[in-house]
Amino acid sequence: MRYYFIALVVLIIDQISKWIIDTQMAIGERITLIDHVLYFTSHRNKGAAFGILQGQMWFFYIITLIVIVGIVYYMQKEAKNSALFGVSLALILGGAIGNFIDRLFRGEVVDFVDTYIFGYDFAIFNVADAALCIGVALLFIKMIQDERQQKKEQK
């Protein structure tokens, strides 16, 4: 149950932050947080990460529903055995639902975190995107740990 709570917290933070950006900033408006590093820039995305698959909402609806069902299944079945696995799935679930809500009700995803690291202009993203990336990274860490554990057990 705690993993669903994590997903809910991600979802709430994501939706509140997007609502603030959507209602308080014009599209393209920028607020400097750390000059040359971090900005809030109001942006909309009708595609996936980095703007790929623009306008393919039906595709995102289907994929997201499949992903959500799969995550809930694995949370029920496997997350009780590993906190790392549970947290990773919770972050992915919260992020997936957050962007799904945007696509469903707005027809686009609200993005606003605009970063420049070592002079590189990263794609503008949101809380849901960050949760998805962190969740996937944790999932990879879990897979590496499992692989190492299997190798130890085989010796």
Protein backbone atom coordinates (compact mmCIF):
# COMPACT_ATOMS: atom_id res chain seq x y z
CA MET A 1 0.00 0.00 0.00
CA ARG A 2 2.91 2.39 0.70
CA TYR A 3 3.95 2.19 -2.95
CA TYR A 4 0.54 3.40 -4.07
CA PHE A 5 0.96 6.29 -1.63
CA ILE A 6 4.28 7.21 -3.27
CA ALA A 7 2.61 7.11 -6.69
CA LEU A 8 -0.21 9.31 -5.36
CA VAL A 9 2.25 11.87 -3.95
CA VAL A 10 4.07 12.02 -7.30
CA LEU A 11 0.73 12.44 -9.08
CA ILE A 12 -0.44 15.22 -6.75
CA ILE A 13 2.83 17.17 -6.98
CA ASP A 14 2.85 16.71 -10.75
CA GLN A 15 -0.70 17.89 -11.27
CA ILE A 16 -0.45 20.85 -8.89
CA SER A 17 2.78 22.05 -10.48
CA LYS A 18 1.29 21.72 -13.98
CA TRP A 19 -1.87 23.55 -12.91
CA ILE A 20 0.22 26.42 -11.53
CA ILE A 21 2.25 26.67 -14.73
CA ASP A 22 -0.86 26.38 -16.91
CA THR A 23 -2.81 29.05 -15.04
CA GLN A 24 -0.03 31.48 -14.08
CA MET A 25 2.32 31.51 -17.08
CA ALA A 26 1.83 32.15 -20.77
CA ILE A 27 3.21 29.52 -23.13
CA GLY A 28 6.86 30.39 -23.78
CA GLU A 29 7.15 32.55 -20.65
CA ARG A 30 10.33 31.91 -18.65
CA ILE A 31 11.20 32.42 -15.00
CA THR A 32 14.89 32.29 -14.09
CA LEU A 33 15.66 30.19 -11.03
CA ILE A 34 19.44 29.82 -11.50
CA ASP A 35 20.79 31.89 -14.37
CA HIS A 36 22.28 29.77 -17.19
CA VAL A 37 21.25 26.57 -15.37
CA LEU A 38 17.60 26.27 -14.32
CA TYR A 39 14.41 27.95 -15.49
CA PHE A 40 10.69 27.41 -15.40
CA THR A 41 9.55 27.72 -19.01
CA SER A 42 5.90 27.15 -19.87
CA HIS A 43 5.85 24.62 -22.70
CA ARG A 44 3.35 22.15 -24.17
CA ASN A 45 4.11 18.79 -25.72
CA LYS A 46 1.68 16.75 -27.82
CA GLY A 47 4.17 13.90 -28.20
CA ALA A 48 6.43 11.75 -26.06
CA ALA A 49 9.82 12.54 -24.57
CA PHE A 50 11.83 15.01 -26.63
CA GLY A 51 8.73 15.71 -28.76
CA ILE A 52 8.71 12.41 -30.66
CA LEU A 53 5.41 10.99 -31.97
CA GLN A 54 3.68 14.38 -31.99
CA GLY A 55 -0.12 14.17 -32.11
CA GLN A 56 -0.37 10.38 -31.66
CA MET A 57 -2.69 10.57 -28.63
CA TRP A 58 -4.48 7.28 -29.35
CA PHE A 59 -1.10 5.53 -29.22
CA PHE A 60 -0.28 7.10 -25.83
CA TYR A 61 -3.67 6.19 -24.39
CA ILE A 62 -3.26 2.52 -25.31
CA ILE A 63 0.39 2.23 -24.25
CA THR A 64 -0.19 4.07 -20.97
CA LEU A 65 -3.13 1.86 -20.02
CA ILE A 66 -1.07 -1.27 -20.77
CA VAL A 67 1.84 0.08 -18.72
CA ILE A 68 -0.42 0.99 -15.78
CA VAL A 69 -2.00 -2.48 -15.74
CA GLY A 70 1.45 -4.11 -15.90
CA ILE A 71 2.85 -1.94 -13.12
CA VAL A 72 -0.11 -2.59 -10.81
CA TYR A 73 0.23 -6.32 -11.49
CA TYR A 74 3.93 -6.32 -10.59
CA MET A 75 3.38 -4.08 -7.58
CA GLN A 76 0.84 -6.57 -6.24
CA LYS A 77 2.92 -9.63 -7.08
CA GLU A 78 6.58 -8.69 -6.69
CA ALA A 79 7.00 -5.36 -4.89
CA LYS A 80 6.48 -6.92 -1.47
CA ASN A 81 9.80 -8.74 -1.96
CA SER A 82 11.89 -5.64 -2.72
CA ALA A 83 11.53 -2.06 -1.54
CA LEU A 84 13.72 -0.84 -4.41
CA PHE A 85 11.46 -2.57 -6.94
CA GLY A 86 8.35 -1.19 -5.24
CA VAL A 87 9.63 2.38 -5.18
CA SER A 88 10.76 2.21 -8.80
CA LEU A 89 7.34 0.96 -9.90
CA ALA A 90 5.59 3.57 -7.75
CA LEU A 91 7.54 6.39 -9.40
CA ILE A 92 6.84 4.99 -12.86
CA LEU A 93 3.15 4.58 -12.02
CA GLY A 94 2.79 8.12 -10.65
CA GLY A 95 4.60 9.59 -13.64
CA ALA A 96 2.66 7.57 -16.19
CA ILE A 97 -0.69 8.53 -14.68
CA GLY A 98 0.36 12.20 -14.39
CA ASN A 99 1.14 12.54 -18.08
CA PHE A 100 -1.88 10.38 -18.99
CA ILE A 101 -4.17 12.83 -17.18
CA ASP A 102 -2.66 15.71 -19.16
CA ARG A 103 -3.14 13.94 -22.48
CA LEU A 104 -6.67 12.91 -21.60
CA PHE A 105 -7.95 16.27 -20.30
CA ARG A 106 -5.68 18.83 -21.97
CA GLY A 107 -4.78 17.03 -25.20
CA GLU A 108 -1.13 17.82 -24.46
CA VAL A 109 1.41 17.56 -21.65
CA VAL A 110 2.45 20.62 -19.65
CA ASP A 111 6.25 20.82 -19.36
CA PHE A 112 8.17 23.49 -17.48
CA VAL A 113 11.51 22.39 -16.00
CA ASP A 114 14.09 23.85 -18.37
CA THR A 115 17.73 22.99 -17.64
CA TYR A 116 21.09 23.93 -19.10
CA ILE A 117 23.87 21.74 -17.72
CA PHE A 118 27.43 22.39 -18.90
CA GLY A 119 25.95 24.51 -21.67
CA TYR A 120 23.67 21.73 -22.97
CA ASP A 121 20.00 22.67 -23.34
CA PHE A 122 18.05 19.63 -22.15
CA ALA A 123 14.46 19.00 -23.23
CA ILE A 124 11.89 20.77 -21.09
CA PHE A 125 10.21 18.28 -18.76
CA ASN A 126 7.84 18.02 -15.78
CA VAL A 127 7.53 16.21 -12.43
CA ALA A 128 5.96 13.14 -14.05
CA ASP A 129 8.83 12.88 -16.53
CA ALA A 130 11.36 13.16 -13.71
CA ALA A 131 9.56 10.46 -11.71
CA LEU A 132 9.48 8.19 -14.77
CA CYS A 133 13.22 8.63 -15.39
CA ILE A 134 14.16 8.10 -11.74
CA GLY A 135 11.85 5.07 -11.56
CA VAL A 136 13.41 3.51 -14.66
CA ALA A 137 16.93 4.22 -13.32
CA LEU A 138 16.03 2.52 -10.03
CA LEU A 139 14.59 -0.40 -11.98
CA PHE A 140 17.91 -0.77 -13.83
CA ILE A 141 19.77 -0.69 -10.51
CA LYS A 142 17.45 -3.42 -9.20
CA MET A 143 18.08 -5.53 -12.31
CA ILE A 144 21.85 -5.16 -11.90
CA GLN A 145 21.57 -6.14 -8.23
CA ASP A 146 19.50 -9.19 -9.13
CA GLU A 147 22.01 -10.20 -11.82
CA ARG A 148 24.90 -9.93 -9.36
CA GLN A 149 22.97 -11.93 -6.77
CA GLN A 150 22.28 -14.69 -9.30
CA LYS A 151 25.97 -14.86 -10.21
CA LYS A 152 26.91 -15.18 -6.52
CA GLU A 153 24.37 -17.96 -6.03
CA GLN A 154 25.71 -19.87 -9.05
CA LYS A 155 29.24 -19.97 -7.60
